[in-house]
Amino acid sequence: MGEFRTRGGRCVVEHGEVRLEPLGLGGRLRRHYENLKLAHRQRYERGLLRFGFVLLMGVYSVGQFLYALVFGNEWLAVLGIGGAVGFLVVVYGYFLVRKRIRRWFRGYTDERTIPVRAIESIDPRPKRPFRAPHIVIHYSEYGTEAKRYVGVCTQTPLADEEFETAKAVLMDEHDLPITTA
């Protein structure tokens, strides 16, 4: 049996199958707590900078809103806030839909259980700029070829070690064919 952490839970390789198990709410909270304990100093310094930036932008935004209310342009302030919220919703929706469509057109599936006998190859892809480390499992089930994208857990300072663990679990212990990245 081997397992490693993924972005949405964990991947367990046992009994002739690769199984992706999602985390529940309790599991996500527990993982968040563990990540807070790891590399606390590094996370603290980055969090302090983020907090300062968010605080500065919040004060600036409230100041602009109060300025508009005091000098009689309340409709302009409401329109500005509504436009900003609308813009954020549209941008978030665009990226969410884009992600789903790209995965569908590239042939990725959402299968949670893949038999080891159906796996043709595994393609580990390390971290690159603007791209998190992930593993692509190429498998053939019932005569159709498909791919499964498995994102390795990156919400920890030990993300590189988690990626190496994923490769070791799939390659060493279960002798699955690994393609070079």
Protein backbone atom coordinates (compact mmCIF):
# COMPACT_ATOMS: atom_id res chain seq x y z
CA MET A 1 0.00 0.00 0.00
CA GLY A 2 1.21 3.46 -0.82
CA GLU A 3 -0.37 6.86 -0.60
CA PHE A 4 0.42 10.53 -1.10
CA ARG A 5 -1.38 13.81 -0.57
CA THR A 6 -3.18 15.45 -3.48
CA ARG A 7 -4.74 18.86 -3.81
CA GLY A 8 -8.21 17.61 -2.97
CA GLY A 9 -7.43 14.72 -0.65
CA ARG A 10 -5.12 11.76 -1.05
CA CYS A 11 -4.26 9.11 -3.61
CA VAL A 12 -4.10 5.53 -2.38
CA VAL A 13 -2.54 2.75 -4.48
CA GLU A 14 -3.61 -0.65 -3.15
CA HIS A 15 -5.48 -3.83 -4.06
CA GLY A 16 -4.77 -3.36 -7.76
CA GLU A 17 -6.26 0.10 -8.10
CA VAL A 18 -5.37 3.77 -7.88
CA ARG A 19 -8.02 5.44 -5.74
CA LEU A 20 -8.45 9.20 -5.26
CA GLU A 21 -10.12 9.93 -1.94
CA PRO A 22 -11.48 13.42 -1.27
CA LEU A 23 -11.05 15.16 2.06
CA GLY A 24 -14.07 16.16 4.02
CA LEU A 25 -14.37 19.42 5.89
CA GLY A 26 -12.67 17.96 8.95
CA GLY A 27 -9.80 16.66 6.82
CA ARG A 28 -9.29 20.03 5.19
CA LEU A 29 -9.19 21.75 8.58
CA ARG A 30 -6.74 19.14 9.91
CA ARG A 31 -4.48 19.57 6.83
CA HIS A 32 -4.62 23.34 7.22
CA TYR A 33 -3.57 23.00 10.86
CA GLU A 34 -0.64 20.73 9.90
CA ASN A 35 0.49 23.18 7.22
CA LEU A 36 0.42 26.02 9.72
CA LYS A 37 2.83 24.11 11.94
CA LEU A 38 5.29 23.50 9.08
CA ALA A 39 7.75 26.26 8.29
CA HIS A 40 5.92 28.69 10.57
CA ARG A 41 8.47 31.46 10.26
CA GLN A 42 8.40 31.54 6.47
CA ARG A 43 4.62 31.55 6.39
CA TYR A 44 4.50 34.27 9.07
CA GLU A 45 6.70 36.67 7.10
CA ARG A 46 4.74 36.20 3.87
CA GLY A 47 1.45 36.49 5.74
CA LEU A 48 2.61 39.70 7.40
CA LEU A 49 3.37 41.28 4.02
CA ARG A 50 0.02 40.16 2.60
CA PHE A 51 -1.82 41.49 5.64
CA GLY A 52 -0.11 44.87 5.28
CA PHE A 53 -1.03 45.10 1.60
CA VAL A 54 -4.66 44.08 2.18
CA LEU A 55 -4.96 46.52 5.09
CA LEU A 56 -3.56 49.36 2.98
CA MET A 57 -5.93 48.61 0.09
CA GLY A 58 -8.88 48.30 2.48
CA VAL A 59 -8.17 51.69 4.07
CA TYR A 60 -7.78 53.23 0.62
CA SER A 61 -11.09 51.75 -0.58
CA VAL A 62 -13.03 52.86 2.49
CA GLY A 63 -11.48 56.32 2.17
CA GLN A 64 -12.61 56.60 -1.45
CA PHE A 65 -16.12 55.46 -0.52
CA LEU A 66 -16.38 57.96 2.34
CA TYR A 67 -15.05 60.74 0.12
CA ALA A 68 -17.73 60.00 -2.47
CA LEU A 69 -20.47 59.95 0.18
CA VAL A 70 -19.36 63.20 1.81
CA PHE A 71 -19.14 65.15 -1.41
CA GLY A 72 -22.45 63.94 -2.87
CA ASN A 73 -21.48 61.29 -5.38
CA GLU A 74 -23.01 58.34 -3.55
CA TRP A 75 -24.41 56.82 -6.74
CA LEU A 76 -20.99 56.95 -8.26
CA ALA A 77 -19.55 55.18 -5.20
CA VAL A 78 -22.23 52.47 -5.28
CA LEU A 79 -21.71 52.05 -9.02
CA GLY A 80 -17.95 51.76 -8.52
CA ILE A 81 -18.27 49.13 -5.78
CA GLY A 82 -20.88 47.19 -7.77
CA GLY A 83 -18.68 47.35 -10.86
CA ALA A 84 -15.67 46.08 -8.95
CA VAL A 85 -17.63 43.16 -7.44
CA GLY A 86 -19.17 42.37 -10.84
CA PHE A 87 -15.75 42.42 -12.48
CA LEU A 88 -14.34 40.00 -9.90
CA VAL A 89 -17.30 37.62 -10.35
CA VAL A 90 -16.93 37.67 -14.14
CA VAL A 91 -13.15 37.07 -14.00
CA TYR A 92 -13.54 34.21 -11.51
CA GLY A 93 -16.30 32.63 -13.61
CA TYR A 94 -14.23 32.97 -16.77
CA PHE A 95 -11.25 31.16 -15.26
CA LEU A 96 -13.47 28.46 -13.74
CA VAL A 97 -15.25 27.77 -17.04
CA ARG A 98 -11.95 27.95 -18.95
CA LYS A 99 -10.38 25.37 -16.65
CA ARG A 100 -13.31 22.96 -17.04
CA ILE A 101 -13.45 23.33 -20.83
CA ARG A 102 -9.69 22.88 -21.24
CA ARG A 103 -9.74 19.72 -19.15
CA TRP A 104 -12.66 18.33 -21.14
CA PHE A 105 -11.08 19.08 -24.55
CA ARG A 106 -7.74 17.59 -23.48
CA GLY A 107 -9.46 14.33 -22.57
CA TYR A 108 -9.13 14.42 -18.78
CA THR A 109 -11.67 12.46 -16.78
CA ASP A 110 -12.95 12.74 -13.22
CA GLU A 111 -12.64 9.04 -12.38
CA ARG A 112 -11.96 8.37 -8.70
CA THR A 113 -10.86 4.73 -9.15
CA ILE A 114 -8.52 3.48 -11.88
CA PRO A 115 -7.49 -0.20 -12.08
CA VAL A 116 -3.71 -0.64 -12.17
CA ARG A 117 -4.06 -3.14 -15.04
CA ALA A 118 -5.62 -0.39 -17.20
CA ILE A 119 -2.78 2.11 -16.68
CA GLU A 120 -0.58 2.51 -19.74
CA SER A 121 1.81 5.12 -18.39
CA ILE A 122 2.23 7.81 -15.77
CA ASP A 123 3.61 11.21 -16.66
CA PRO A 124 4.99 13.16 -13.65
CA ARG A 125 5.28 16.85 -14.41
CA PRO A 126 7.39 18.86 -11.94
CA LYS A 127 6.76 22.41 -10.79
CA ARG A 128 7.30 25.11 -13.40
CA PRO A 129 6.57 28.83 -13.35
CA PHE A 130 2.80 29.33 -13.07
CA ARG A 131 2.26 25.55 -12.98
CA ALA A 132 1.92 23.36 -9.90
CA PRO A 133 3.46 19.87 -9.85
CA HIS A 134 1.04 17.22 -11.03
CA ILE A 135 0.83 13.70 -12.40
CA VAL A 136 -1.06 12.63 -15.51
CA ILE A 137 -2.22 9.01 -15.53
CA HIS A 138 -2.80 7.61 -19.04
CA TYR A 139 -5.10 4.60 -18.96
CA SER A 140 -7.27 2.55 -21.27
CA GLU A 141 -10.61 1.33 -19.99
CA TYR A 142 -13.02 -0.64 -22.18
CA GLY A 143 -11.08 0.24 -25.34
CA THR A 144 -11.10 4.00 -24.87
CA GLU A 145 -8.01 5.95 -23.91
CA ALA A 146 -8.34 8.53 -21.19
CA LYS A 147 -6.21 10.68 -18.88
CA ARG A 148 -6.58 11.60 -15.24
CA TYR A 149 -4.98 14.77 -13.85
CA VAL A 150 -3.80 14.36 -10.25
CA GLY A 151 -2.60 17.58 -8.63
CA VAL A 152 0.00 17.03 -5.93
CA CYS A 153 -0.58 18.91 -2.67
CA THR A 154 1.21 22.26 -2.93
CA GLN A 155 -0.26 23.97 0.13
CA THR A 156 2.73 23.05 2.21
CA PRO A 157 6.39 24.07 2.25
CA LEU A 158 7.18 20.39 1.61
CA ALA A 159 5.53 20.30 -1.83
CA ASP A 160 8.69 19.07 -3.58
CA GLU A 161 8.99 16.16 -1.17
CA GLU A 162 5.32 15.31 -1.72
CA PHE A 163 5.90 15.17 -5.49
CA GLU A 164 8.87 12.82 -5.02
CA THR A 165 6.74 10.66 -2.70
CA ALA A 166 4.03 10.46 -5.39
CA LYS A 167 6.56 9.33 -8.01
CA ALA A 168 8.06 6.79 -5.61
CA VAL A 169 4.67 5.33 -4.67
CA LEU A 170 3.67 4.88 -8.28
CA MET A 171 7.01 3.80 -9.72
CA ASP A 172 8.92 1.90 -7.04
CA GLU A 173 6.26 0.07 -5.11
CA HIS A 174 3.89 -0.80 -7.92
CA ASP A 175 6.19 -0.87 -10.95
CA LEU A 176 3.97 1.29 -13.13
CA PRO A 177 5.46 2.63 -16.39
CA ILE A 178 6.70 6.17 -15.86
CA THR A 179 7.36 8.43 -18.83
CA THR A 180 10.08 11.04 -18.54
CA ALA A 181 8.94 14.62 -18.31
